Amino acid sequence: MQEEILLQHLEELAGKLEICVRNENISMDESSSTGGLCRVEGQYILILNSKADVQDKIQVMIKALQNFDLDKIYIKPAVRRLLDDQQ
């Protein structure tokens, strides 16, 4: 599966879980992050560094989504395999 399409599927999955995905301009020095999951006033927010490459964004999304119960949500088989393989 192409990385851009995979990222799109992961963003759709985040939406099903009511996670707000935001691409933010985070400075890219050695101490910067590619993003992560946080919770603000009960709302989950997944921040992705807009300057990060697609593969880094995918890894941040996978790590964040693994914190949730995904068993009762339909996920495309290729995406589910990726989530399961990364655990």
PDB file of N, CA and C in Angstrom:
ATOM      1  N   MET A   1       0.852  -1.176   0.000  1.00  0.00           N
ATOM      2  CA  MET A   1       0.000   0.000   0.000  1.00  0.00           C
ATOM      3  C   MET A   1       0.899   1.241   0.000  1.00  0.00           C
ATOM      4  N   GLN A   2       0.563   2.213  -0.818  1.00  0.00           N
ATOM      5  CA  GLN A   2       1.345   3.443  -0.888  1.00  0.00           C
ATOM      6  C   GLN A   2       1.264   4.190   0.442  1.00  0.00           C
ATOM      7  N   GLU A   3       2.369   4.822   0.800  1.00  0.00           N
ATOM      8  CA  GLU A   3       2.451   5.483   2.102  1.00  0.00           C
ATOM      9  C   GLU A   3       1.406   6.579   2.274  1.00  0.00           C
ATOM     10  N   GLU A   4       1.165   7.376   1.241  1.00  0.00           N
ATOM     11  CA  GLU A   4       0.170   8.458   1.339  1.00  0.00           C
ATOM     12  C   GLU A   4      -1.227   7.891   1.593  1.00  0.00           C
ATOM     13  N   ILE A   5      -1.546   6.795   0.925  1.00  0.00           N
ATOM     14  CA  ILE A   5      -2.857   6.158   1.107  1.00  0.00           C
ATOM     15  C   ILE A   5      -2.951   5.555   2.504  1.00  0.00           C
ATOM     16  N   LEU A   6      -1.873   4.925   2.955  1.00  0.00           N
ATOM     17  CA  LEU A   6      -1.845   4.354   4.298  1.00  0.00           C
ATOM     18  C   LEU A   6      -2.055   5.444   5.347  1.00  0.00           C
ATOM     19  N   LEU A   7      -1.384   6.561   5.180  1.00  0.00           N
ATOM     20  CA  LEU A   7      -1.559   7.678   6.113  1.00  0.00           C
ATOM     21  C   LEU A   7      -3.010   8.143   6.123  1.00  0.00           C
ATOM     22  N   GLN A   8      -3.617   8.200   4.969  1.00  0.00           N
ATOM     23  CA  GLN A   8      -5.024   8.606   4.868  1.00  0.00           C
ATOM     24  C   GLN A   8      -5.928   7.617   5.608  1.00  0.00           C
ATOM     25  N   HIS A   9      -5.675   6.318   5.462  1.00  0.00           N
ATOM     26  CA  HIS A   9      -6.472   5.305   6.169  1.00  0.00           C
ATOM     27  C   HIS A   9      -6.292   5.428   7.686  1.00  0.00           C
ATOM     28  N   LEU A  10      -5.073   5.703   8.122  1.00  0.00           N
ATOM     29  CA  LEU A  10      -4.830   5.876   9.554  1.00  0.00           C
ATOM     30  C   LEU A  10      -5.545   7.117  10.087  1.00  0.00           C
ATOM     31  N   GLU A  11      -5.576   8.177   9.298  1.00  0.00           N
ATOM     32  CA  GLU A  11      -6.302   9.385   9.705  1.00  0.00           C
ATOM     33  C   GLU A  11      -7.804   9.118   9.789  1.00  0.00           C
ATOM     34  N   GLU A  12      -8.327   8.314   8.864  1.00  0.00           N
ATOM     35  CA  GLU A  12      -9.748   7.941   8.913  1.00  0.00           C
ATOM     36  C   GLU A  12     -10.041   7.122  10.165  1.00  0.00           C
ATOM     37  N   LEU A  13      -9.140   6.208  10.494  1.00  0.00           N
ATOM     38  CA  LEU A  13      -9.304   5.404  11.700  1.00  0.00           C
ATOM     39  C   LEU A  13      -9.294   6.299  12.939  1.00  0.00           C
ATOM     40  N   ALA A  14      -8.403   7.256  12.979  1.00  0.00           N
ATOM     41  CA  ALA A  14      -8.372   8.202  14.099  1.00  0.00           C
ATOM     42  C   ALA A  14      -9.705   8.940  14.204  1.00  0.00           C
ATOM     43  N   GLY A  15     -10.272   9.308  13.085  1.00  0.00           N
ATOM     44  CA  GLY A  15     -11.570   9.980  13.083  1.00  0.00           C
ATOM     45  C   GLY A  15     -12.665   9.108  13.666  1.00  0.00           C
ATOM     46  N   LYS A  16     -12.636   7.808  13.357  1.00  0.00           N
ATOM     47  CA  LYS A  16     -13.620   6.882  13.924  1.00  0.00           C
ATOM     48  C   LYS A  16     -13.506   6.817  15.440  1.00  0.00           C
ATOM     49  N   LEU A  17     -12.299   7.030  15.946  1.00  0.00           N
ATOM     50  CA  LEU A  17     -12.053   7.011  17.387  1.00  0.00           C
ATOM     51  C   LEU A  17     -12.223   8.393  18.017  1.00  0.00           C
ATOM     52  N   GLU A  18     -12.694   9.348  17.229  1.00  0.00           N
ATOM     53  CA  GLU A  18     -12.900  10.729  17.669  1.00  0.00           C
ATOM     54  C   GLU A  18     -11.605  11.386  18.134  1.00  0.00           C
ATOM     55  N   ILE A  19     -10.520  11.059  17.437  1.00  0.00           N
ATOM     56  CA  ILE A  19      -9.230  11.689  17.686  1.00  0.00           C
ATOM     57  C   ILE A  19      -9.059  12.796  16.654  1.00  0.00           C
ATOM     58  N   CYS A  20      -8.799  13.985  17.126  1.00  0.00           N
ATOM     59  CA  CYS A  20      -8.546  15.120  16.235  1.00  0.00           C
ATOM     60  C   CYS A  20      -7.088  15.045  15.778  1.00  0.00           C
ATOM     61  N   VAL A  21      -6.864  14.948  14.476  1.00  0.00           N
ATOM     62  CA  VAL A  21      -5.508  14.900  13.929  1.00  0.00           C
ATOM     63  C   VAL A  21      -5.157  16.290  13.415  1.00  0.00           C
ATOM     64  N   ARG A  22      -4.038  16.808  13.920  1.00  0.00           N
ATOM     65  CA  ARG A  22      -3.609  18.152  13.518  1.00  0.00           C
ATOM     66  C   ARG A  22      -2.178  18.097  12.999  1.00  0.00           C
ATOM     67  N   ASN A  23      -1.953  18.706  11.858  1.00  0.00           N
ATOM     68  CA  ASN A  23      -0.605  18.878  11.325  1.00  0.00           C
ATOM     69  C   ASN A  23      -0.125  20.255  11.745  1.00  0.00           C
ATOM     70  N   GLU A  24       0.922  20.271  12.546  1.00  0.00           N
ATOM     71  CA  GLU A  24       1.438  21.527  13.084  1.00  0.00           C
ATOM     72  C   GLU A  24       2.890  21.715  12.665  1.00  0.00           C
ATOM     73  N   ASN A  25       3.275  22.946  12.483  1.00  0.00           N
ATOM     74  CA  ASN A  25       4.641  23.286  12.125  1.00  0.00           C
ATOM     75  C   ASN A  25       5.488  23.270  13.394  1.00  0.00           C
ATOM     76  N   ILE A  26       6.232  22.199  13.592  1.00  0.00           N
ATOM     77  CA  ILE A  26       7.108  22.040  14.750  1.00  0.00           C
ATOM     78  C   ILE A  26       8.538  22.182  14.239  1.00  0.00           C
ATOM     79  N   SER A  27       9.342  23.000  14.902  1.00  0.00           N
ATOM     80  CA  SER A  27      10.711  23.193  14.416  1.00  0.00           C
ATOM     81  C   SER A  27      11.451  21.861  14.415  1.00  0.00           C
ATOM     82  N   MET A  28      12.281  21.663  13.412  1.00  0.00           N
ATOM     83  CA  MET A  28      12.973  20.385  13.236  1.00  0.00           C
ATOM     84  C   MET A  28      14.441  20.494  13.658  1.00  0.00           C
ATOM     85  N   ASP A  29      14.700  20.705  14.944  1.00  0.00           N
ATOM     86  CA  ASP A  29      16.071  20.614  15.418  1.00  0.00           C
ATOM     87  C   ASP A  29      16.236  19.267  16.112  1.00  0.00           C
ATOM     88  N   GLU A  30      17.396  19.012  16.679  1.00  0.00           N
ATOM     89  CA  GLU A  30      17.642  17.685  17.239  1.00  0.00           C
ATOM     90  C   GLU A  30      16.740  17.338  18.423  1.00  0.00           C
ATOM     91  N   SER A  31      16.165  18.322  19.069  1.00  0.00           N
ATOM     92  CA  SER A  31      15.307  18.043  20.220  1.00  0.00           C
ATOM     93  C   SER A  31      13.824  18.029  19.860  1.00  0.00           C
ATOM     94  N   SER A  32      13.501  18.198  18.591  1.00  0.00           N
ATOM     95  CA  SER A  32      12.090  18.265  18.208  1.00  0.00           C
ATOM     96  C   SER A  32      11.498  16.874  18.046  1.00  0.00           C
ATOM     97  N   SER A  33      10.215  16.840  17.971  1.00  0.00           N
ATOM     98  CA  SER A  33       9.467  15.599  17.874  1.00  0.00           C
ATOM     99  C   SER A  33       8.727  15.542  16.542  1.00  0.00           C
ATOM    100  N   THR A  34       8.430  14.315  16.114  1.00  0.00           N
ATOM    101  CA  THR A  34       7.611  14.161  14.910  1.00  0.00           C
ATOM    102  C   THR A  34       6.136  14.209  15.249  1.00  0.00           C
ATOM    103  N   GLY A  35       5.817  14.277  16.550  1.00  0.00           N
ATOM    104  CA  GLY A  35       4.428  14.395  16.962  1.00  0.00           C
ATOM    105  C   GLY A  35       4.088  13.431  18.072  1.00  0.00           C
ATOM    106  N   GLY A  36       2.802  13.401  18.427  1.00  0.00           N
ATOM    107  CA  GLY A  36       2.363  12.509  19.476  1.00  0.00           C
ATOM    108  C   GLY A  36       0.919  12.762  19.867  1.00  0.00           C
ATOM    109  N   LEU A  37       0.439  11.920  20.757  1.00  0.00           N
ATOM    110  CA  LEU A  37      -0.945  11.952  21.217  1.00  0.00           C
ATOM    111  C   LEU A  37      -1.021  12.683  22.550  1.00  0.00           C
ATOM    112  N   CYS A  38      -2.019  13.525  22.697  1.00  0.00           N
ATOM    113  CA  CYS A  38      -2.268  14.173  23.979  1.00  0.00           C
ATOM    114  C   CYS A  38      -3.779  14.257  24.195  1.00  0.00           C
ATOM    115  N   ARG A  39      -4.146  14.628  25.396  1.00  0.00           N
ATOM    116  CA  ARG A  39      -5.562  14.769  25.733  1.00  0.00           C
ATOM    117  C   ARG A  39      -5.763  16.135  26.371  1.00  0.00           C
ATOM    118  N   VAL A  40      -6.649  16.914  25.778  1.00  0.00           N
ATOM    119  CA  VAL A  40      -6.932  18.261  26.262  1.00  0.00           C
ATOM    120  C   VAL A  40      -8.423  18.363  26.536  1.00  0.00           C
ATOM    121  N   GLU A  41      -8.768  18.628  27.786  1.00  0.00           N
ATOM    122  CA  GLU A  41     -10.166  18.751  28.201  1.00  0.00           C
ATOM    123  C   GLU A  41     -11.023  17.586  27.698  1.00  0.00           C
ATOM    124  N   GLY A  42     -10.486  16.374  27.829  1.00  0.00           N
ATOM    125  CA  GLY A  42     -11.228  15.177  27.459  1.00  0.00           C
ATOM    126  C   GLY A  42     -11.180  14.806  25.989  1.00  0.00           C
ATOM    127  N   GLN A  43     -10.605  15.640  25.160  1.00  0.00           N
ATOM    128  CA  GLN A  43     -10.517  15.394  23.713  1.00  0.00           C
ATOM    129  C   GLN A  43      -9.103  14.923  23.365  1.00  0.00           C
ATOM    130  N   TYR A  44      -9.021  13.762  22.685  1.00  0.00           N
ATOM    131  CA  TYR A  44      -7.724  13.294  22.212  1.00  0.00           C
ATOM    132  C   TYR A  44      -7.319  14.089  20.981  1.00  0.00           C
ATOM    133  N   ILE A  45      -6.060  14.509  20.977  1.00  0.00           N
ATOM    134  CA  ILE A  45      -5.505  15.245  19.846  1.00  0.00           C
ATOM    135  C   ILE A  45      -4.200  14.566  19.454  1.00  0.00           C
ATOM    136  N   LEU A  46      -4.078  14.249  18.187  1.00  0.00           N
ATOM    137  CA  LEU A  46      -2.860  13.655  17.657  1.00  0.00           C
ATOM    138  C   LEU A  46      -2.174  14.720  16.812  1.00  0.00           C
ATOM    139  N   ILE A  47      -1.036  15.164  17.293  1.00  0.00           N
ATOM    140  CA  ILE A  47      -0.303  16.219  16.602  1.00  0.00           C
ATOM    141  C   ILE A  47       0.790  15.581  15.757  1.00  0.00           C
ATOM    142  N   LEU A  48       0.791  15.920  14.469  1.00  0.00           N
ATOM    143  CA  LEU A  48       1.820  15.459  13.546  1.00  0.00           C
ATOM    144  C   LEU A  48       2.637  16.660  13.098  1.00  0.00           C
ATOM    145  N   ASN A  49       3.941  16.494  13.060  1.00  0.00           N
ATOM    146  CA  ASN A  49       4.797  17.566  12.578  1.00  0.00           C
ATOM    147  C   ASN A  49       4.619  17.679  11.067  1.00  0.00           C
ATOM    148  N   SER A  50       4.163  18.817  10.612  1.00  0.00           N
ATOM    149  CA  SER A  50       3.903  18.995   9.181  1.00  0.00           C
ATOM    150  C   SER A  50       5.176  18.897   8.350  1.00  0.00           C
ATOM    151  N   LYS A  51       6.343  19.075   8.975  1.00  0.00           N
ATOM    152  CA  LYS A  51       7.614  18.976   8.258  1.00  0.00           C
ATOM    153  C   LYS A  51       8.162  17.551   8.222  1.00  0.00           C
ATOM    154  N   ALA A  52       7.573  16.646   8.991  1.00  0.00           N
ATOM    155  CA  ALA A  52       8.044  15.259   9.028  1.00  0.00           C
ATOM    156  C   ALA A  52       7.683  14.556   7.727  1.00  0.00           C
ATOM    157  N   ASP A  53       8.474  13.545   7.379  1.00  0.00           N
ATOM    158  CA  ASP A  53       8.131  12.799   6.171  1.00  0.00           C
ATOM    159  C   ASP A  53       6.969  11.848   6.461  1.00  0.00           C
ATOM    160  N   VAL A  54       6.400  11.318   5.411  1.00  0.00           N
ATOM    161  CA  VAL A  54       5.189  10.495   5.530  1.00  0.00           C
ATOM    162  C   VAL A  54       5.440   9.281   6.415  1.00  0.00           C
ATOM    163  N   GLN A  55       6.591   8.635   6.273  1.00  0.00           N
ATOM    164  CA  GLN A  55       6.890   7.444   7.070  1.00  0.00           C
ATOM    165  C   GLN A  55       6.913   7.778   8.562  1.00  0.00           C
ATOM    166  N   ASP A  56       7.486   8.913   8.930  1.00  0.00           N
ATOM    167  CA  ASP A  56       7.501   9.319  10.344  1.00  0.00           C
ATOM    168  C   ASP A  56       6.085   9.591  10.851  1.00  0.00           C
ATOM    169  N   LYS A  57       5.266  10.226  10.033  1.00  0.00           N
ATOM    170  CA  LYS A  57       3.877  10.484  10.423  1.00  0.00           C
ATOM    171  C   LYS A  57       3.131   9.171  10.630  1.00  0.00           C
ATOM    172  N   ILE A  58       3.368   8.200   9.751  1.00  0.00           N
ATOM    173  CA  ILE A  58       2.729   6.885   9.880  1.00  0.00           C
ATOM    174  C   ILE A  58       3.126   6.244  11.204  1.00  0.00           C
ATOM    175  N   GLN A  59       4.407   6.297  11.551  1.00  0.00           N
ATOM    176  CA  GLN A  59       4.869   5.687  12.795  1.00  0.00           C
ATOM    177  C   GLN A  59       4.248   6.362  14.015  1.00  0.00           C
ATOM    178  N   VAL A  60       4.131   7.681  13.989  1.00  0.00           N
ATOM    179  CA  VAL A  60       3.497   8.404  15.102  1.00  0.00           C
ATOM    180  C   VAL A  60       2.039   7.980  15.224  1.00  0.00           C
ATOM    181  N   MET A  61       1.357   7.865  14.097  1.00  0.00           N
ATOM    182  CA  MET A  61      -0.063   7.477  14.123  1.00  0.00           C
ATOM    183  C   MET A  61      -0.234   6.054  14.632  1.00  0.00           C
ATOM    184  N   ILE A  62       0.615   5.141  14.177  1.00  0.00           N
ATOM    185  CA  ILE A  62       0.525   3.752  14.633  1.00  0.00           C
ATOM    186  C   ILE A  62       0.718   3.685  16.144  1.00  0.00           C
ATOM    187  N   LYS A  63       1.749   4.343  16.636  1.00  0.00           N
ATOM    188  CA  LYS A  63       2.026   4.328  18.078  1.00  0.00           C
ATOM    189  C   LYS A  63       0.840   4.876  18.869  1.00  0.00           C
ATOM    190  N   ALA A  64       0.237   5.946  18.383  1.00  0.00           N
ATOM    191  CA  ALA A  64      -0.903   6.548  19.078  1.00  0.00           C
ATOM    192  C   ALA A  64      -2.130   5.647  19.023  1.00  0.00           C
ATOM    193  N   LEU A  65      -2.428   5.096  17.859  1.00  0.00           N
ATOM    194  CA  LEU A  65      -3.639   4.287  17.690  1.00  0.00           C
ATOM    195  C   LEU A  65      -3.576   2.986  18.477  1.00  0.00           C
ATOM    196  N   GLN A  66      -2.381   2.500  18.753  1.00  0.00           N
ATOM    197  CA  GLN A  66      -2.248   1.264  19.519  1.00  0.00           C
ATOM    198  C   GLN A  66      -2.678   1.437  20.978  1.00  0.00           C
ATOM    199  N   ASN A  67      -2.917   2.653  21.410  1.00  0.00           N
ATOM    200  CA  ASN A  67      -3.399   2.907  22.769  1.00  0.00           C
ATOM    201  C   ASN A  67      -4.902   2.686  22.911  1.00  0.00           C
ATOM    202  N   PHE A  68      -5.575   2.408  21.815  1.00  0.00           N
ATOM    203  CA  PHE A  68      -7.029   2.307  21.812  1.00  0.00           C
ATOM    204  C   PHE A  68      -7.466   0.886  21.480  1.00  0.00           C
ATOM    205  N   ASP A  69      -8.683   0.542  21.928  1.00  0.00           N
ATOM    206  CA  ASP A  69      -9.271  -0.756  21.609  1.00  0.00           C
ATOM    207  C   ASP A  69      -9.782  -0.711  20.171  1.00  0.00           C
ATOM    208  N   LEU A  70      -9.120  -1.437  19.302  1.00  0.00           N
ATOM    209  CA  LEU A  70      -9.451  -1.415  17.882  1.00  0.00           C
ATOM    210  C   LEU A  70     -10.223  -2.657  17.441  1.00  0.00           C
ATOM    211  N   ASP A  71     -10.534  -3.543  18.385  1.00  0.00           N
ATOM    212  CA  ASP A  71     -11.164  -4.815  18.034  1.00  0.00           C
ATOM    213  C   ASP A  71     -12.561  -4.669  17.445  1.00  0.00           C
ATOM    214  N   LYS A  72     -13.298  -3.656  17.837  1.00  0.00           N
ATOM    215  CA  LYS A  72     -14.690  -3.532  17.399  1.00  0.00           C
ATOM    216  C   LYS A  72     -14.860  -2.550  16.246  1.00  0.00           C
ATOM    217  N   ILE A  73     -13.753  -2.119  15.664  1.00  0.00           N
ATOM    218  CA  ILE A  73     -13.795  -1.160  14.562  1.00  0.00           C
ATOM    219  C   ILE A  73     -13.301  -1.852  13.300  1.00  0.00           C
ATOM    220  N   TYR A  74     -14.033  -1.652  12.197  1.00  0.00           N
ATOM    221  CA  TYR A  74     -13.558  -2.219  10.936  1.00  0.00           C
ATOM    222  C   TYR A  74     -12.335  -1.434  10.472  1.00  0.00           C
ATOM    223  N   ILE A  75     -11.278  -2.177  10.213  1.00  0.00           N
ATOM    224  CA  ILE A  75     -10.037  -1.599   9.693  1.00  0.00           C
ATOM    225  C   ILE A  75      -9.637  -2.429   8.486  1.00  0.00           C
ATOM    226  N   LYS A  76      -9.254  -1.775   7.415  1.00  0.00           N
ATOM    227  CA  LYS A  76      -8.823  -2.500   6.224  1.00  0.00           C
ATOM    228  C   LYS A  76      -7.744  -3.499   6.620  1.00  0.00           C
ATOM    229  N   PRO A  77      -7.794  -4.717   6.068  1.00  0.00           N
ATOM    230  CA  PRO A  77      -6.856  -5.770   6.474  1.00  0.00           C
ATOM    231  C   PRO A  77      -5.378  -5.362   6.423  1.00  0.00           C
ATOM    232  N   ALA A  78      -4.962  -4.653   5.398  1.00  0.00           N
ATOM    233  CA  ALA A  78      -3.550  -4.246   5.292  1.00  0.00           C
ATOM    234  C   ALA A  78      -3.170  -3.300   6.431  1.00  0.00           C
ATOM    235  N   VAL A  79      -4.088  -2.434   6.810  1.00  0.00           N
ATOM    236  CA  VAL A  79      -3.830  -1.488   7.898  1.00  0.00           C
ATOM    237  C   VAL A  79      -3.810  -2.232   9.229  1.00  0.00           C
ATOM    238  N   ARG A  80      -4.736  -3.155   9.429  1.00  0.00           N
ATOM    239  CA  ARG A  80      -4.766  -3.929  10.677  1.00  0.00           C
ATOM    240  C   ARG A  80      -3.486  -4.747  10.834  1.00  0.00           C
ATOM    241  N   ARG A  81      -3.018  -5.358   9.741  1.00  0.00           N
ATOM    242  CA  ARG A  81      -1.769  -6.127   9.808  1.00  0.00           C
ATOM    243  C   ARG A  81      -0.610  -5.231  10.245  1.00  0.00           C
ATOM    244  N   LEU A  82      -0.562  -4.046   9.689  1.00  0.00           N
ATOM    245  CA  LEU A  82       0.502  -3.112  10.047  1.00  0.00           C
ATOM    246  C   LEU A  82       0.424  -2.744  11.528  1.00  0.00           C
ATOM    247  N   LEU A  83      -0.763  -2.457  12.013  1.00  0.00           N
ATOM    248  CA  LEU A  83      -0.939  -2.125  13.428  1.00  0.00           C
ATOM    249  C   LEU A  83      -0.540  -3.299  14.319  1.00  0.00           C
ATOM    250  N   ASP A  84      -0.923  -4.506  13.924  1.00  0.00           N
ATOM    251  CA  ASP A  84      -0.593  -5.695  14.714  1.00  0.00           C
ATOM    252  C   ASP A  84       0.902  -5.999  14.675  1.00  0.00           C
ATOM    253  N   ASP A  85       1.526  -5.816  13.508  1.00  0.00           N
ATOM    254  CA  ASP A  85       2.953  -6.116  13.359  1.00  0.00           C
ATOM    255  C   ASP A  85       3.835  -5.168  14.154  1.00  0.00           C
ATOM    256  N   GLN A  86       3.374  -3.963  14.388  1.00  0.00           N
ATOM    257  CA  GLN A  86       4.172  -2.949  15.077  1.00  0.00           C
ATOM    258  C   GLN A  86       4.103  -3.071  16.596  1.00  0.00           C
ATOM    259  N   GLN A  87       3.276  -3.957  17.116  1.00  0.00           N
ATOM    260  CA  GLN A  87       3.143  -4.080  18.580  1.00  0.00           C
ATOM    261  C   GLN A  87       4.315  -4.801  19.176  1.00  0.00           C
TER     262      GLN A  87
END
